[in-house]
Amino acid sequence: MADAPSTRLYLVRHCDVRNADGVLYGHLDDFPLSDKGVQQAHAIGRHLAESGVRRIITSPLERARQTADIVASHLEGARVDVSDDLIEARFGRYLQGVRPRDVPWRRPLWFIHMAWPGLLPIDESVSQMAARIRRQLVRLLREQPGEPGMCISHGDPIQAFWVESTGRRAYALHRLQCAKGGMLELDYEGTRLATLAYRSPQTIAAPDAVSTAAAAGHG
């Protein structure tokens, strides 16, 4: 039997967002990248220019699609596809349009979400968010085994995948932080996740800096 191919995938959070009113934007339209976000996206593209990535799957939300297009501009022959699997967390619809400081009194169900993600009908569990991220990663692994690829999503779904992949409990969802413009580097043997490392936007922009990456095995 042939050995399972080794594949490096990148799970990227969209870059910084223009948000003059400082609200939670959730699934709302008209929240493109800020100038800082554009710079972050170019930094990701330059960082991965020699990686061999030619396939990007992105969330349909504007901030993610714009991140994908800028990153792809640095990758020769890169193709960008869109998948609803990579969209923002469902609970974001409940929070959107509200300033973070006002959430406790304007969106009190937030307390339940923080204590037990997925308990409310308007919410998703960590496992549900992780599963939809994983579907698109496995899609890349099966459609182009051995070839690097990228998915671009949002904070909570990425952190849900991170929580499950490293064996943490669900309450760790909001303790792990994949910053805007940060990424998880994922090494697979076949469709088995072998290692996971986090790379912050700072280490992407300055690759010679001390990395914040934390590797973790996955059975």
Protein backbone atom coordinates (compact mmCIF):
# COMPACT_ATOMS: atom_id res chain seq x y z
CA MET A 1 0.00 0.00 0.00
CA ALA A 2 1.34 3.43 -0.91
CA ASP A 3 2.23 5.77 1.93
CA ALA A 4 -0.35 8.45 2.71
CA PRO A 5 0.73 11.76 1.17
CA SER A 6 1.97 14.53 3.45
CA THR A 7 0.10 17.81 2.94
CA ARG A 8 0.48 21.26 4.48
CA LEU A 9 -2.76 23.26 4.76
CA TYR A 10 -3.28 26.76 6.11
CA LEU A 11 -6.37 27.81 8.06
CA VAL A 12 -6.39 31.61 8.01
CA ARG A 13 -8.54 34.11 9.84
CA HIS A 14 -9.60 37.08 7.71
CA CYS A 15 -7.55 40.23 8.25
CA ASP A 16 -8.36 43.42 10.18
CA VAL A 17 -11.72 45.05 9.37
CA ARG A 18 -12.79 48.67 8.80
CA ASN A 19 -15.25 49.26 11.63
CA ALA A 20 -15.64 52.95 12.47
CA ASP A 21 -18.50 52.38 14.93
CA GLY A 22 -16.73 49.56 16.76
CA VAL A 23 -19.64 47.12 16.54
CA LEU A 24 -19.68 43.35 16.31
CA TYR A 25 -20.19 42.81 12.60
CA GLY A 26 -21.20 39.14 12.55
CA HIS A 27 -22.77 38.37 9.18
CA LEU A 28 -23.38 42.02 8.18
CA ASP A 29 -22.40 43.37 4.77
CA ASP A 30 -20.15 46.37 4.13
CA PHE A 31 -17.35 45.50 6.52
CA PRO A 32 -14.31 45.37 4.21
CA LEU A 33 -10.68 45.24 5.29
CA SER A 34 -9.10 48.25 6.92
CA ASP A 35 -5.79 49.64 5.68
CA LYS A 36 -4.13 47.51 8.37
CA GLY A 37 -6.07 44.48 7.14
CA VAL A 38 -4.97 45.05 3.54
CA GLN A 39 -1.35 45.18 4.74
CA GLN A 40 -1.86 41.98 6.74
CA ALA A 41 -3.31 40.18 3.71
CA HIS A 42 -0.37 41.22 1.54
CA ALA A 43 1.98 39.99 4.30
CA ILE A 44 0.28 36.58 4.25
CA GLY A 45 0.58 36.47 0.47
CA ARG A 46 4.27 37.35 0.55
CA HIS A 47 4.88 34.85 3.35
CA LEU A 48 3.30 32.04 1.31
CA ALA A 49 4.49 33.13 -2.13
CA GLU A 50 6.84 30.14 -2.42
CA SER A 51 4.60 27.69 -0.54
CA GLY A 52 3.02 26.16 -3.61
CA VAL A 53 -0.53 27.07 -2.54
CA ARG A 54 -2.72 27.25 -5.64
CA ARG A 55 -6.15 26.65 -4.09
CA ILE A 56 -7.98 28.86 -1.59
CA ILE A 57 -11.46 28.20 -0.20
CA THR A 58 -13.00 31.15 1.61
CA SER A 59 -16.03 32.24 3.58
CA PRO A 60 -18.47 34.25 1.44
CA LEU A 61 -18.38 37.28 3.76
CA GLU A 62 -16.72 40.37 2.32
CA ARG A 63 -13.79 40.57 4.74
CA ALA A 64 -12.82 36.97 4.05
CA ARG A 65 -13.25 37.20 0.27
CA GLN A 66 -11.12 40.34 0.16
CA THR A 67 -8.43 38.62 2.23
CA ALA A 68 -8.51 35.67 -0.17
CA ASP A 69 -8.22 37.84 -3.28
CA ILE A 70 -5.24 39.79 -1.93
CA VAL A 71 -3.44 36.63 -0.78
CA ALA A 72 -4.14 34.99 -4.15
CA SER A 73 -2.54 37.94 -5.96
CA HIS A 74 0.81 36.77 -4.56
CA LEU A 75 0.32 33.11 -5.53
CA GLU A 76 0.89 32.26 -9.17
CA GLY A 77 -2.15 30.63 -10.72
CA ALA A 78 -4.12 30.56 -7.46
CA ARG A 79 -7.83 29.81 -7.63
CA VAL A 80 -10.35 31.10 -5.08
CA ASP A 81 -13.56 29.17 -4.30
CA VAL A 82 -16.31 30.10 -1.82
CA SER A 83 -17.98 27.82 0.73
CA ASP A 84 -20.69 28.56 3.28
CA ASP A 85 -19.01 25.99 5.53
CA LEU A 86 -16.41 28.64 6.33
CA ILE A 87 -18.85 31.42 7.26
CA GLU A 88 -18.93 33.22 10.61
CA ALA A 89 -20.43 31.52 13.68
CA ARG A 90 -24.23 31.39 13.71
CA PHE A 91 -24.31 33.18 17.08
CA GLY A 92 -22.76 36.20 15.36
CA ARG A 93 -26.18 37.02 13.89
CA TYR A 94 -27.52 37.59 17.42
CA LEU A 95 -24.61 39.84 18.41
CA GLN A 96 -24.11 41.81 15.20
CA GLY A 97 -24.57 45.57 15.24
CA VAL A 98 -23.91 45.88 18.99
CA ARG A 99 -20.80 47.36 20.60
CA PRO A 100 -18.93 44.83 22.76
CA ARG A 101 -19.43 46.93 25.91
CA ASP A 102 -23.22 46.82 25.38
CA VAL A 103 -23.50 43.08 24.81
CA PRO A 104 -24.22 42.05 28.45
CA TRP A 105 -27.40 44.15 28.67
CA ARG A 106 -28.52 44.27 25.02
CA ARG A 107 -27.76 40.63 24.19
CA PRO A 108 -28.06 38.77 27.52
CA LEU A 109 -28.12 35.32 25.90
CA TRP A 110 -24.40 35.91 25.43
CA PHE A 111 -23.89 34.68 29.01
CA ILE A 112 -25.39 31.29 28.12
CA HIS A 113 -23.27 31.09 24.97
CA MET A 114 -20.11 31.80 26.94
CA ALA A 115 -20.93 29.17 29.55
CA TRP A 116 -22.11 26.48 27.12
CA PRO A 117 -21.57 27.10 23.40
CA GLY A 118 -24.28 25.41 21.37
CA LEU A 119 -26.94 25.14 24.07
CA LEU A 120 -29.19 27.80 22.49
CA PRO A 121 -31.13 27.09 19.25
CA ILE A 122 -29.55 30.23 17.71
CA ASP A 123 -26.06 28.96 18.51
CA GLU A 124 -23.73 26.23 17.24
CA SER A 125 -21.74 23.79 19.32
CA VAL A 126 -17.97 23.66 19.11
CA SER A 127 -18.29 20.30 17.37
CA GLN A 128 -20.68 21.69 14.75
CA MET A 129 -18.38 24.61 13.91
CA ALA A 130 -15.31 22.37 13.86
CA ALA A 131 -17.08 19.88 11.58
CA ARG A 132 -17.82 22.44 8.88
CA ILE A 133 -14.24 23.73 8.92
CA ARG A 134 -12.98 20.15 8.73
CA ARG A 135 -15.22 19.38 5.74
CA GLN A 136 -13.44 21.96 3.62
CA LEU A 137 -9.98 20.96 4.80
CA VAL A 138 -10.74 17.33 3.95
CA ARG A 139 -12.10 18.51 0.59
CA LEU A 140 -8.68 19.98 -0.18
CA LEU A 141 -6.91 16.85 1.01
CA ARG A 142 -9.05 14.59 -1.18
CA GLU A 143 -9.19 16.79 -4.28
CA GLN A 144 -5.47 17.62 -4.31
CA PRO A 145 -3.56 15.15 -2.09
CA GLY A 146 -0.01 16.25 -1.37
CA GLU A 147 -0.62 19.80 -2.62
CA PRO A 148 -0.74 22.72 -0.17
CA GLY A 149 -3.99 24.64 0.16
CA MET A 150 -5.75 27.26 2.26
CA CYS A 151 -9.09 27.91 3.93
CA ILE A 152 -10.08 31.40 5.10
CA SER A 153 -12.68 31.70 7.84
CA HIS A 154 -13.53 33.54 11.07
CA GLY A 155 -12.44 33.53 14.69
CA ASP A 156 -14.96 31.25 16.41
CA PRO A 157 -15.10 28.52 13.74
CA ILE A 158 -11.29 28.42 13.53
CA GLN A 159 -10.99 28.31 17.31
CA ALA A 160 -13.61 25.54 17.47
CA PHE A 161 -11.50 23.47 15.08
CA TRP A 162 -8.42 24.26 17.19
CA VAL A 163 -10.21 23.25 20.42
CA GLU A 164 -11.30 19.88 19.01
CA SER A 165 -8.03 19.14 17.26
CA THR A 166 -5.99 19.63 20.41
CA GLY A 167 -8.37 17.79 22.75
CA ARG A 168 -9.49 20.81 24.76
CA ARG A 169 -12.92 21.15 26.34
CA ALA A 170 -15.60 23.28 24.70
CA TYR A 171 -15.25 26.14 27.20
CA ALA A 172 -11.78 26.82 25.73
CA LEU A 173 -13.46 28.26 22.61
CA HIS A 174 -13.00 31.86 23.77
CA ARG A 175 -9.67 31.25 25.50
CA LEU A 176 -7.82 30.32 22.34
CA GLN A 177 -7.36 33.35 20.11
CA CYS A 178 -6.52 33.19 16.44
CA ALA A 179 -5.95 36.90 15.75
CA LYS A 180 -7.21 38.60 12.61
CA GLY A 181 -4.58 37.88 9.99
CA GLY A 182 -3.25 34.90 11.95
CA MET A 183 -3.26 31.27 10.82
CA LEU A 184 -3.04 27.66 11.84
CA GLU A 185 -0.45 25.64 9.93
CA LEU A 186 -1.75 22.10 9.61
CA ASP A 187 0.34 19.11 8.57
CA TYR A 188 -1.57 16.04 7.45
CA GLU A 189 -0.59 12.46 6.73
CA GLY A 190 -3.35 11.42 4.36
CA THR A 191 -6.43 12.83 6.08
CA ARG A 192 -4.96 12.48 9.60
CA LEU A 193 -3.91 15.73 11.25
CA ALA A 194 -0.37 15.14 12.50
CA THR A 195 0.66 18.58 13.78
CA LEU A 196 -0.90 21.97 14.32
CA ALA A 197 0.92 25.25 14.92
CA TYR A 198 -0.36 28.80 15.36
CA ARG A 199 1.38 31.66 13.62
CA SER A 200 0.47 35.18 14.68
CA PRO A 201 0.18 38.16 12.28
CA GLN A 202 3.38 39.54 13.81
CA THR A 203 5.42 36.44 12.99
CA ILE A 204 3.94 36.32 9.50
CA ALA A 205 4.96 39.92 8.86
CA ALA A 206 8.38 39.41 10.48
CA PRO A 207 9.26 35.74 9.95
CA ASP A 208 12.63 36.08 11.71
CA ALA A 209 10.90 37.09 14.96
CA VAL A 210 10.41 34.57 17.73
CA SER A 211 7.44 32.43 16.76
CA THR A 212 4.42 32.06 19.01
CA ALA A 213 3.63 28.76 17.35
CA ALA A 214 2.60 25.96 19.69
CA ALA A 215 2.69 22.51 18.17
CA ALA A 216 0.26 19.80 19.20
CA GLY A 217 -0.14 16.21 18.03
CA HIS A 218 -3.45 14.76 16.92
CA GLY A 219 -4.35 11.11 16.99
